[in-house]
PDB file of N, CA and C in Angstrom:
ATOM      1  N   MET A   1       0.844  -1.168   0.000  1.00  0.00           N
ATOM      2  CA  MET A   1       0.000   0.000   0.000  1.00  0.00           C
ATOM      3  C   MET A   1       0.892   1.234   0.000  1.00  0.00           C
ATOM      4  N   SER A   2       0.655   2.078  -0.981  1.00  0.00           N
ATOM      5  CA  SER A   2       1.494   3.273  -1.139  1.00  0.00           C
ATOM      6  C   SER A   2       0.626   4.525  -0.984  1.00  0.00           C
ATOM      7  N   VAL A   3       1.045   5.427  -0.122  1.00  0.00           N
ATOM      8  CA  VAL A   3       0.322   6.672   0.102  1.00  0.00           C
ATOM      9  C   VAL A   3       1.177   7.818  -0.417  1.00  0.00           C
ATOM     10  N   GLN A   4       0.585   8.652  -1.262  1.00  0.00           N
ATOM     11  CA  GLN A   4       1.332   9.792  -1.795  1.00  0.00           C
ATOM     12  C   GLN A   4       0.745  11.077  -1.231  1.00  0.00           C
ATOM     13  N   PHE A   5       1.632  11.930  -0.798  1.00  0.00           N
ATOM     14  CA  PHE A   5       1.226  13.229  -0.280  1.00  0.00           C
ATOM     15  C   PHE A   5       1.673  14.314  -1.246  1.00  0.00           C
ATOM     16  N   ASN A   6       0.936  15.387  -1.270  1.00  0.00           N
ATOM     17  CA  ASN A   6       1.347  16.525  -2.088  1.00  0.00           C
ATOM     18  C   ASN A   6       2.597  17.157  -1.484  1.00  0.00           C
ATOM     19  N   GLN A   7       3.514  17.483  -2.345  1.00  0.00           N
ATOM     20  CA  GLN A   7       4.736  18.145  -1.880  1.00  0.00           C
ATOM     21  C   GLN A   7       4.399  19.608  -1.608  1.00  0.00           C
ATOM     22  N   PHE A   8       4.650  20.023  -0.389  1.00  0.00           N
ATOM     23  CA  PHE A   8       4.308  21.391   0.010  1.00  0.00           C
ATOM     24  C   PHE A   8       5.459  21.961   0.815  1.00  0.00           C
ATOM     25  N   ASN A   9       5.983  23.069   0.372  1.00  0.00           N
ATOM     26  CA  ASN A   9       7.073  23.722   1.086  1.00  0.00           C
ATOM     27  C   ASN A   9       6.481  24.875   1.888  1.00  0.00           C
ATOM     28  N   THR A  10       6.623  24.849   3.184  1.00  0.00           N
ATOM     29  CA  THR A  10       6.011  25.867   4.039  1.00  0.00           C
ATOM     30  C   THR A  10       6.656  27.228   3.869  1.00  0.00           C
ATOM     31  N   PHE A  11       7.878  27.261   3.361  1.00  0.00           N
ATOM     32  CA  PHE A  11       8.565  28.550   3.221  1.00  0.00           C
ATOM     33  C   PHE A  11       8.237  29.244   1.907  1.00  0.00           C
ATOM     34  N   ASP A  12       7.603  28.555   0.972  1.00  0.00           N
ATOM     35  CA  ASP A  12       7.276  29.142  -0.320  1.00  0.00           C
ATOM     36  C   ASP A  12       5.881  29.725  -0.393  1.00  0.00           C
ATOM     37  N   ASP A  13       5.038  29.482   0.599  1.00  0.00           N
ATOM     38  CA  ASP A  13       3.606  29.766   0.474  1.00  0.00           C
ATOM     39  C   ASP A  13       3.288  31.227   0.176  1.00  0.00           C
ATOM     40  N   ASP A  14       3.794  32.153   0.946  1.00  0.00           N
ATOM     41  CA  ASP A  14       3.409  33.544   0.738  1.00  0.00           C
ATOM     42  C   ASP A  14       4.584  34.496   0.874  1.00  0.00           C
ATOM     43  N   ALA A  15       5.788  34.015   0.784  1.00  0.00           N
ATOM     44  CA  ALA A  15       6.954  34.878   1.011  1.00  0.00           C
ATOM     45  C   ALA A  15       7.033  35.986  -0.024  1.00  0.00           C
ATOM     46  N   GLY A  16       6.763  35.698  -1.274  1.00  0.00           N
ATOM     47  CA  GLY A  16       6.862  36.726  -2.315  1.00  0.00           C
ATOM     48  C   GLY A  16       5.726  37.715  -2.272  1.00  0.00           C
ATOM     49  N   ASN A  17       4.530  37.276  -1.932  1.00  0.00           N
ATOM     50  CA  ASN A  17       3.374  38.158  -1.940  1.00  0.00           C
ATOM     51  C   ASN A  17       3.406  39.191  -0.822  1.00  0.00           C
ATOM     52  N   GLN A  18       3.925  38.839   0.342  1.00  0.00           N
ATOM     53  CA  GLN A  18       3.911  39.781   1.449  1.00  0.00           C
ATOM     54  C   GLN A  18       4.844  40.948   1.193  1.00  0.00           C
ATOM     55  N   ALA A  19       5.982  40.708   0.569  1.00  0.00           N
ATOM     56  CA  ALA A  19       6.886  41.805   0.254  1.00  0.00           C
ATOM     57  C   ALA A  19       6.255  42.718  -0.789  1.00  0.00           C
ATOM     58  N   GLY A  20       5.513  42.145  -1.730  1.00  0.00           N
ATOM     59  CA  GLY A  20       4.862  42.952  -2.753  1.00  0.00           C
ATOM     60  C   GLY A  20       3.734  43.794  -2.183  1.00  0.00           C
ATOM     61  N   ASN A  21       3.017  43.273  -1.173  1.00  0.00           N
ATOM     62  CA  ASN A  21       1.908  44.022  -0.595  1.00  0.00           C
ATOM     63  C   ASN A  21       2.381  45.270   0.122  1.00  0.00           C
ATOM     64  N   GLN A  22       3.526  45.228   0.748  1.00  0.00           N
ATOM     65  CA  GLN A  22       4.014  46.398   1.469  1.00  0.00           C
ATOM     66  C   GLN A  22       4.348  47.544   0.513  1.00  0.00           C
ATOM     67  N   THR A  23       4.864  47.248  -0.666  1.00  0.00           N
ATOM     68  CA  THR A  23       5.216  48.309  -1.591  1.00  0.00           C
ATOM     69  C   THR A  23       3.996  48.849  -2.316  1.00  0.00           C
ATOM     70  N   ASP A  24       2.888  48.087  -2.342  1.00  0.00           N
ATOM     71  CA  ASP A  24       1.696  48.529  -3.047  1.00  0.00           C
ATOM     72  C   ASP A  24       0.811  49.431  -2.197  1.00  0.00           C
ATOM     73  N   LYS A  25       1.160  49.663  -0.976  1.00  0.00           N
ATOM     74  CA  LYS A  25       0.358  50.497  -0.080  1.00  0.00           C
ATOM     75  C   LYS A  25       0.552  51.984  -0.406  1.00  0.00           C
ATOM     76  N   VAL A  26      -0.511  52.739  -0.183  1.00  0.00           N
ATOM     77  CA  VAL A  26      -0.464  54.197  -0.296  1.00  0.00           C
ATOM     78  C   VAL A  26      -0.425  54.748   1.126  1.00  0.00           C
ATOM     79  N   HIS A  27       0.624  55.472   1.454  1.00  0.00           N
ATOM     80  CA  HIS A  27       0.819  55.978   2.808  1.00  0.00           C
ATOM     81  C   HIS A  27       0.394  57.446   2.869  1.00  0.00           C
ATOM     82  N   VAL A  28      -0.548  57.739   3.767  1.00  0.00           N
ATOM     83  CA  VAL A  28      -1.032  59.104   3.976  1.00  0.00           C
ATOM     84  C   VAL A  28      -0.597  59.512   5.373  1.00  0.00           C
ATOM     85  N   ARG A  29       0.299  60.500   5.448  1.00  0.00           N
ATOM     86  CA  ARG A  29       0.866  60.916   6.729  1.00  0.00           C
ATOM     87  C   ARG A  29       0.567  62.388   6.984  1.00  0.00           C
ATOM     88  N   VAL A  30       0.559  62.743   8.253  1.00  0.00           N
ATOM     89  CA  VAL A  30       0.449  64.143   8.637  1.00  0.00           C
ATOM     90  C   VAL A  30       1.709  64.497   9.419  1.00  0.00           C
ATOM     91  N   GLN A  31       2.290  65.656   9.102  1.00  0.00           N
ATOM     92  CA  GLN A  31       3.511  66.108   9.767  1.00  0.00           C
ATOM     93  C   GLN A  31       3.259  67.471  10.374  1.00  0.00           C
ATOM     94  N   GLN A  32       3.664  67.628  11.612  1.00  0.00           N
ATOM     95  CA  GLN A  32       3.497  68.902  12.307  1.00  0.00           C
ATOM     96  C   GLN A  32       4.549  69.883  11.808  1.00  0.00           C
ATOM     97  N   ARG A  33       4.136  71.081  11.450  1.00  0.00           N
ATOM     98  CA  ARG A  33       5.075  72.121  11.008  1.00  0.00           C
ATOM     99  C   ARG A  33       5.478  72.973  12.194  1.00  0.00           C
ATOM    100  N   ASN A  34       4.704  73.986  12.468  1.00  0.00           N
ATOM    101  CA  ASN A  34       4.964  74.824  13.643  1.00  0.00           C
ATOM    102  C   ASN A  34       3.627  75.299  14.199  1.00  0.00           C
ATOM    103  N   GLY A  35       3.508  75.245  15.511  1.00  0.00           N
ATOM    104  CA  GLY A  35       2.249  75.648  16.133  1.00  0.00           C
ATOM    105  C   GLY A  35       1.130  74.706  15.764  1.00  0.00           C
ATOM    106  N   ARG A  36       0.067  75.255  15.197  1.00  0.00           N
ATOM    107  CA  ARG A  36      -1.088  74.442  14.805  1.00  0.00           C
ATOM    108  C   ARG A  36      -1.023  74.014  13.351  1.00  0.00           C
ATOM    109  N   LYS A  37      -0.008  74.441  12.629  1.00  0.00           N
ATOM    110  CA  LYS A  37       0.083  74.142  11.198  1.00  0.00           C
ATOM    111  C   LYS A  37       0.611  72.732  10.965  1.00  0.00           C
ATOM    112  N   CYS A  38       0.053  72.060   9.960  1.00  0.00           N
ATOM    113  CA  CYS A  38       0.541  70.736   9.606  1.00  0.00           C
ATOM    114  C   CYS A  38       0.369  70.523   8.102  1.00  0.00           C
ATOM    115  N   ILE A  39       1.099  69.537   7.579  1.00  0.00           N
ATOM    116  CA  ILE A  39       0.973  69.186   6.172  1.00  0.00           C
ATOM    117  C   ILE A  39       0.653  67.700   6.074  1.00  0.00           C
ATOM    118  N   THR A  40      -0.056  67.338   5.020  1.00  0.00           N
ATOM    119  CA  THR A  40      -0.401  65.950   4.745  1.00  0.00           C
ATOM    120  C   THR A  40       0.401  65.505   3.538  1.00  0.00           C
ATOM    121  N   THR A  41       1.059  64.343   3.631  1.00  0.00           N
ATOM    122  CA  THR A  41       1.816  63.811   2.505  1.00  0.00           C
ATOM    123  C   THR A  41       1.187  62.505   2.049  1.00  0.00           C
ATOM    124  N   VAL A  42       1.129  62.327   0.738  1.00  0.00           N
ATOM    125  CA  VAL A  42       0.576  61.120   0.129  1.00  0.00           C
ATOM    126  C   VAL A  42       1.690  60.495  -0.698  1.00  0.00           C
ATOM    127  N   ALA A  43       2.139  59.306  -0.288  1.00  0.00           N
ATOM    128  CA  ALA A  43       3.235  58.628  -0.978  1.00  0.00           C
ATOM    129  C   ALA A  43       2.815  57.216  -1.335  1.00  0.00           C
ATOM    130  N   GLY A  44       3.421  56.678  -2.385  1.00  0.00           N
ATOM    131  CA  GLY A  44       3.177  55.300  -2.755  1.00  0.00           C
ATOM    132  C   GLY A  44       2.132  55.107  -3.834  1.00  0.00           C
ATOM    133  N   LEU A  45       1.716  56.187  -4.491  1.00  0.00           N
ATOM    134  CA  LEU A  45       0.765  56.033  -5.590  1.00  0.00           C
ATOM    135  C   LEU A  45       1.466  55.376  -6.775  1.00  0.00           C
ATOM    136  N   ALA A  46       0.720  54.685  -7.596  1.00  0.00           N
ATOM    137  CA  ALA A  46       1.283  53.956  -8.727  1.00  0.00           C
ATOM    138  C   ALA A  46       1.946  54.911  -9.710  1.00  0.00           C
ATOM    139  N   ASP A  47       2.967  54.409 -10.391  1.00  0.00           N
ATOM    140  CA  ASP A  47       3.731  55.242 -11.324  1.00  0.00           C
ATOM    141  C   ASP A  47       2.939  55.593 -12.577  1.00  0.00           C
ATOM    142  N   ASP A  48       1.974  54.768 -12.954  1.00  0.00           N
ATOM    143  CA  ASP A  48       1.232  55.030 -14.181  1.00  0.00           C
ATOM    144  C   ASP A  48       0.125  56.069 -14.001  1.00  0.00           C
ATOM    145  N   LEU A  49      -0.102  56.544 -12.774  1.00  0.00           N
ATOM    146  CA  LEU A  49      -1.112  57.575 -12.521  1.00  0.00           C
ATOM    147  C   LEU A  49      -0.546  58.958 -12.810  1.00  0.00           C
ATOM    148  N   ASP A  50      -1.429  59.888 -13.163  1.00  0.00           N
ATOM    149  CA  ASP A  50      -1.028  61.281 -13.373  1.00  0.00           C
ATOM    150  C   ASP A  50      -1.069  61.989 -12.022  1.00  0.00           C
ATOM    151  N   ILE A  51       0.082  62.067 -11.356  1.00  0.00           N
ATOM    152  CA  ILE A  51       0.163  62.588  -9.989  1.00  0.00           C
ATOM    153  C   ILE A  51      -0.211  64.074  -9.950  1.00  0.00           C
ATOM    154  N   LYS A  52       0.205  64.836 -10.951  1.00  0.00           N
ATOM    155  CA  LYS A  52      -0.113  66.270 -10.962  1.00  0.00           C
ATOM    156  C   LYS A  52      -1.613  66.510 -11.087  1.00  0.00           C
ATOM    157  N   ARG A  53      -2.268  65.683 -11.861  1.00  0.00           N
ATOM    158  CA  ARG A  53      -3.719  65.828 -12.021  1.00  0.00           C
ATOM    159  C   ARG A  53      -4.453  65.458 -10.736  1.00  0.00           C
ATOM    160  N   ILE A  54      -3.972  64.425 -10.044  1.00  0.00           N
ATOM    161  CA  ILE A  54      -4.569  64.041  -8.760  1.00  0.00           C
ATOM    162  C   ILE A  54      -4.360  65.149  -7.746  1.00  0.00           C
ATOM    163  N   CYS A  55      -3.163  65.747  -7.729  1.00  0.00           N
ATOM    164  CA  CYS A  55      -2.888  66.853  -6.805  1.00  0.00           C
ATOM    165  C   CYS A  55      -3.806  68.039  -7.099  1.00  0.00           C
ATOM    166  N   LYS A  56      -4.025  68.309  -8.370  1.00  0.00           N
ATOM    167  CA  LYS A  56      -4.904  69.419  -8.752  1.00  0.00           C
ATOM    168  C   LYS A  56      -6.333  69.179  -8.266  1.00  0.00           C
ATOM    169  N   SER A  57      -6.813  67.941  -8.388  1.00  0.00           N
ATOM    170  CA  SER A  57      -8.167  67.653  -7.924  1.00  0.00           C
ATOM    171  C   SER A  57      -8.246  67.668  -6.393  1.00  0.00           C
ATOM    172  N   PHE A  58      -7.168  67.232  -5.696  1.00  0.00           N
ATOM    173  CA  PHE A  58      -7.126  67.370  -4.243  1.00  0.00           C
ATOM    174  C   PHE A  58      -7.285  68.826  -3.854  1.00  0.00           C
ATOM    175  N   LYS A  59      -6.524  69.703  -4.474  1.00  0.00           N
ATOM    176  CA  LYS A  59      -6.554  71.125  -4.135  1.00  0.00           C
ATOM    177  C   LYS A  59      -7.929  71.727  -4.372  1.00  0.00           C
ATOM    178  N   LYS A  60      -8.562  71.318  -5.465  1.00  0.00           N
ATOM    179  CA  LYS A  60      -9.866  71.878  -5.795  1.00  0.00           C
ATOM    180  C   LYS A  60     -10.957  71.357  -4.854  1.00  0.00           C
ATOM    181  N   ASN A  61     -10.942  70.045  -4.568  1.00  0.00           N
ATOM    182  CA  ASN A  61     -11.995  69.453  -3.737  1.00  0.00           C
ATOM    183  C   ASN A  61     -11.854  69.792  -2.259  1.00  0.00           C
ATOM    184  N   PHE A  62     -10.619  69.907  -1.756  1.00  0.00           N
ATOM    185  CA  PHE A  62     -10.396  70.136  -0.331  1.00  0.00           C
ATOM    186  C   PHE A  62     -10.156  71.597   0.011  1.00  0.00           C
ATOM    187  N   SER A  63     -10.104  72.476  -0.984  1.00  0.00           N
ATOM    188  CA  SER A  63      -9.845  73.914  -0.779  1.00  0.00           C
ATOM    189  C   SER A  63      -8.567  74.138   0.031  1.00  0.00           C
ATOM    190  N   CYS A  64      -7.484  73.534  -0.437  1.00  0.00           N
ATOM    191  CA  CYS A  64      -6.203  73.699   0.242  1.00  0.00           C
ATOM    192  C   CYS A  64      -5.108  73.838  -0.809  1.00  0.00           C
ATOM    193  N   ASN A  65      -3.932  74.210  -0.373  1.00  0.00           N
ATOM    194  CA  ASN A  65      -2.802  74.310  -1.266  1.00  0.00           C
ATOM    195  C   ASN A  65      -2.075  72.977  -1.314  1.00  0.00           C
ATOM    196  N   GLY A  66      -1.378  72.705  -2.406  1.00  0.00           N
ATOM    197  CA  GLY A  66      -0.666  71.452  -2.526  1.00  0.00           C
ATOM    198  C   GLY A  66       0.436  71.526  -3.556  1.00  0.00           C
ATOM    199  N   ALA A  67       1.352  70.574  -3.489  1.00  0.00           N
ATOM    200  CA  ALA A  67       2.482  70.523  -4.423  1.00  0.00           C
ATOM    201  C   ALA A  67       2.913  69.069  -4.591  1.00  0.00           C
ATOM    202  N   VAL A  68       3.588  68.808  -5.707  1.00  0.00           N
ATOM    203  CA  VAL A  68       4.157  67.483  -5.960  1.00  0.00           C
ATOM    204  C   VAL A  68       5.662  67.594  -5.780  1.00  0.00           C
ATOM    205  N   GLN A  69       6.208  66.778  -4.885  1.00  0.00           N
ATOM    206  CA  GLN A  69       7.641  66.788  -4.598  1.00  0.00           C
ATOM    207  C   GLN A  69       8.251  65.478  -5.070  1.00  0.00           C
ATOM    208  N   LYS A  70       9.472  65.550  -5.582  1.00  0.00           N
ATOM    209  CA  LYS A  70      10.206  64.342  -5.965  1.00  0.00           C
ATOM    210  C   LYS A  70      10.965  63.836  -4.753  1.00  0.00           C
ATOM    211  N   ASP A  71      10.840  62.535  -4.475  1.00  0.00           N
ATOM    212  CA  ASP A  71      11.541  61.919  -3.352  1.00  0.00           C
ATOM    213  C   ASP A  71      12.334  60.732  -3.877  1.00  0.00           C
ATOM    214  N   GLU A  72      13.533  60.540  -3.333  1.00  0.00           N
ATOM    215  CA  GLU A  72      14.382  59.448  -3.803  1.00  0.00           C
ATOM    216  C   GLU A  72      13.802  58.086  -3.443  1.00  0.00           C
ATOM    217  N   ASP A  73      13.209  57.959  -2.256  1.00  0.00           N
ATOM    218  CA  ASP A  73      12.694  56.670  -1.801  1.00  0.00           C
ATOM    219  C   ASP A  73      11.300  56.378  -2.333  1.00  0.00           C
ATOM    220  N   ASP A  74      10.392  57.342  -2.229  1.00  0.00           N
ATOM    221  CA  ASP A  74       8.981  57.118  -2.545  1.00  0.00           C
ATOM    222  C   ASP A  74       8.583  57.552  -3.940  1.00  0.00           C
ATOM    223  N   GLY A  75       9.468  58.129  -4.727  1.00  0.00           N
ATOM    224  CA  GLY A  75       9.106  58.632  -6.039  1.00  0.00           C
ATOM    225  C   GLY A  75       8.476  60.014  -5.897  1.00  0.00           C
ATOM    226  N   GLU A  76       7.287  60.205  -6.463  1.00  0.00           N
ATOM    227  CA  GLU A  76       6.603  61.484  -6.359  1.00  0.00           C
ATOM    228  C   GLU A  76       5.669  61.465  -5.158  1.00  0.00           C
ATOM    229  N   VAL A  77       5.746  62.523  -4.351  1.00  0.00           N
ATOM    230  CA  VAL A  77       4.953  62.637  -3.126  1.00  0.00           C
ATOM    231  C   VAL A  77       4.099  63.884  -3.232  1.00  0.00           C
ATOM    232  N   ILE A  78       2.817  63.773  -2.901  1.00  0.00           N
ATOM    233  CA  ILE A  78       1.915  64.924  -2.888  1.00  0.00           C
ATOM    234  C   ILE A  78       1.907  65.510  -1.486  1.00  0.00           C
ATOM    235  N   GLN A  79       2.115  66.826  -1.381  1.00  0.00           N
ATOM    236  CA  GLN A  79       2.035  67.528  -0.106  1.00  0.00           C
ATOM    237  C   GLN A  79       0.826  68.453  -0.134  1.00  0.00           C
ATOM    238  N   LEU A  80       0.001  68.361   0.902  1.00  0.00           N
ATOM    239  CA  LEU A  80      -1.189  69.206   1.020  1.00  0.00           C
ATOM    240  C   LEU A  80      -1.140  69.949   2.335  1.00  0.00           C
ATOM    241  N   SER A  81      -1.635  71.189   2.345  1.00  0.00           N
ATOM    242  CA  SER A  81      -1.654  71.953   3.594  1.00  0.00           C
ATOM    243  C   SER A  81      -2.856  71.526   4.430  1.00  0.00           C
ATOM    244  N   GLY A  82      -2.620  71.396   5.726  1.00  0.00           N
ATOM    245  CA  GLY A  82      -3.680  71.010   6.647  1.00  0.00           C
ATOM    246  C   GLY A  82      -3.769  69.501   6.815  1.00  0.00           C
ATOM    247  N   ASP A  83      -4.607  69.082   7.741  1.00  0.00           N
ATOM    248  CA  ASP A  83      -4.815  67.665   8.011  1.00  0.00           C
ATOM    249  C   ASP A  83      -5.908  67.154   7.086  1.00  0.00           C
ATOM    250  N   GLN A  84      -5.522  66.531   5.987  1.00  0.00           N
ATOM    251  CA  GLN A  84      -6.458  66.066   4.959  1.00  0.00           C
ATOM    252  C   GLN A  84      -6.485  64.545   4.851  1.00  0.00           C
ATOM    253  N   ARG A  85      -6.063  63.835   5.897  1.00  0.00           N
ATOM    254  CA  ARG A  85      -5.922  62.374   5.818  1.00  0.00           C
ATOM    255  C   ARG A  85      -7.217  61.675   5.441  1.00  0.00           C
ATOM    256  N   THR A  86      -8.302  61.961   6.156  1.00  0.00           N
ATOM    257  CA  THR A  86      -9.563  61.265   5.873  1.00  0.00           C
ATOM    258  C   THR A  86     -10.126  61.674   4.512  1.00  0.00           C
ATOM    259  N   ASN A  87      -9.968  62.949   4.159  1.00  0.00           N
ATOM    260  CA  ASN A  87     -10.433  63.412   2.848  1.00  0.00           C
ATOM    261  C   ASN A  87      -9.704  62.690   1.724  1.00  0.00           C
ATOM    262  N   VAL A  88      -8.382  62.536   1.869  1.00  0.00           N
ATOM    263  CA  VAL A  88      -7.588  61.871   0.843  1.00  0.00           C
ATOM    264  C   VAL A  88      -8.019  60.416   0.707  1.00  0.00           C
ATOM    265  N   MET A  89      -8.205  59.731   1.834  1.00  0.00           N
ATOM    266  CA  MET A  89      -8.592  58.328   1.776  1.00  0.00           C
ATOM    267  C   MET A  89      -9.956  58.169   1.101  1.00  0.00           C
ATOM    268  N   GLU A  90     -10.927  58.995   1.476  1.00  0.00           N
ATOM    269  CA  GLU A  90     -12.251  58.916   0.866  1.00  0.00           C
ATOM    270  C   GLU A  90     -12.197  59.216  -0.629  1.00  0.00           C
ATOM    271  N   PHE A  91     -11.382  60.196  -1.019  1.00  0.00           N
ATOM    272  CA  PHE A  91     -11.263  60.555  -2.428  1.00  0.00           C
ATOM    273  C   PHE A  91     -10.659  59.408  -3.232  1.00  0.00           C
ATOM    274  N   LEU A  92      -9.578  58.813  -2.718  1.00  0.00           N
ATOM    275  CA  LEU A  92      -8.921  57.726  -3.444  1.00  0.00           C
ATOM    276  C   LEU A  92      -9.840  56.521  -3.608  1.00  0.00           C
ATOM    277  N   VAL A  93     -10.661  56.254  -2.608  1.00  0.00           N
ATOM    278  CA  VAL A  93     -11.586  55.118  -2.694  1.00  0.00           C
ATOM    279  C   VAL A  93     -12.763  55.455  -3.593  1.00  0.00           C
ATOM    280  N   ASP A  94     -13.328  56.658  -3.474  1.00  0.00           N
ATOM    281  CA  ASP A  94     -14.482  57.047  -4.292  1.00  0.00           C
ATOM    282  C   ASP A  94     -14.141  57.097  -5.780  1.00  0.00           C
ATOM    283  N   GLN A  95     -12.966  57.601  -6.101  1.00  0.00           N
ATOM    284  CA  GLN A  95     -12.553  57.717  -7.502  1.00  0.00           C
ATOM    285  C   GLN A  95     -11.945  56.420  -8.037  1.00  0.00           C
ATOM    286  N   GLU A  96     -11.921  55.386  -7.201  1.00  0.00           N
ATOM    287  CA  GLU A  96     -11.415  54.069  -7.563  1.00  0.00           C
ATOM    288  C   GLU A  96      -9.962  54.110  -8.020  1.00  0.00           C
ATOM    289  N   ILE A  97      -9.176  54.979  -7.389  1.00  0.00           N
ATOM    290  CA  ILE A  97      -7.743  55.024  -7.662  1.00  0.00           C
ATOM    291  C   ILE A  97      -7.058  53.862  -6.952  1.00  0.00           C
ATOM    292  N   CYS A  98      -7.517  53.549  -5.744  1.00  0.00           N
ATOM    293  CA  CYS A  98      -7.011  52.380  -5.021  1.00  0.00           C
ATOM    294  C   CYS A  98      -8.093  51.903  -4.052  1.00  0.00           C
ATOM    295  N   HIS A  99      -7.903  50.709  -3.529  1.00  0.00           N
ATOM    296  CA  HIS A  99      -8.867  50.115  -2.605  1.00  0.00           C
ATOM    297  C   HIS A  99      -8.615  50.623  -1.185  1.00  0.00           C
ATOM    298  N   LYS A 100      -9.615  50.499  -0.350  1.00  0.00           N
ATOM    299  CA  LYS A 100      -9.513  50.972   1.031  1.00  0.00           C
ATOM    300  C   LYS A 100      -8.434  50.221   1.804  1.00  0.00           C
ATOM    301  N   GLU A 101      -8.232  48.936   1.482  1.00  0.00           N
ATOM    302  CA  GLU A 101      -7.214  48.143   2.172  1.00  0.00           C
ATOM    303  C   GLU A 101      -5.810  48.587   1.815  1.00  0.00           C
ATOM    304  N   GLU A 102      -5.629  49.264   0.668  1.00  0.00           N
ATOM    305  CA  GLU A 102      -4.307  49.694   0.223  1.00  0.00           C
ATOM    306  C   GLU A 102      -3.885  51.024   0.830  1.00  0.00           C
ATOM    307  N   VAL A 103      -4.809  51.750   1.450  1.00  0.00           N
ATOM    308  CA  VAL A 103      -4.508  53.062   2.015  1.00  0.00           C
ATOM    309  C   VAL A 103      -4.185  52.904   3.491  1.00  0.00           C
ATOM    310  N   VAL A 104      -3.033  53.440   3.913  1.00  0.00           N
ATOM    311  CA  VAL A 104      -2.610  53.372   5.305  1.00  0.00           C
ATOM    312  C   VAL A 104      -2.525  54.799   5.836  1.00  0.00           C
ATOM    313  N   LEU A 105      -3.285  55.080   6.914  1.00  0.00           N
ATOM    314  CA  LEU A 105      -3.256  56.405   7.535  1.00  0.00           C
ATOM    315  C   LEU A 105      -2.256  56.406   8.685  1.00  0.00           C
ATOM    316  N   HIS A 106      -1.378  57.406   8.704  1.00  0.00           N
ATOM    317  CA  HIS A 106      -0.378  57.545   9.765  1.00  0.00           C
ATOM    318  C   HIS A 106      -0.600  58.872  10.491  1.00  0.00           C
ATOM    319  N   GLY A 107      -0.123  58.961  11.717  1.00  0.00           N
ATOM    320  CA  GLY A 107      -0.138  60.228  12.455  1.00  0.00           C
ATOM    321  C   GLY A 107      -1.077  60.207  13.630  1.00  0.00           C
ATOM    322  N   PHE A 108      -0.945  61.198  14.443  1.00  0.00           N
ATOM    323  CA  PHE A 108      -1.685  61.454  15.664  1.00  0.00           C
ATOM    324  C   PHE A 108      -2.407  60.225  16.158  1.00  0.00           C
TER     325      PHE A 108
END
């Protein structure tokens, strides 16, 4: 009597996918400037998106100032004046730019 089992390597199951998931996240952070002033940064958006156009729509919808900065680690980063974390997350999900699970809110 011969019993055959499926060959399964426990170290191969999800090692590649977990590293990929961390880079696919969109990070929305708030940074304290001085006093009550703060800025919101949005990093990790996909390279094929038009970042300047997204920044323009952020500025128009949230009534705030914003700019696109080049970063060595994160690529292009959107900076917005004020605490716009929840607004940014709702906008990205409503416009179907990314899923709610892909957006990570940082700060306070």
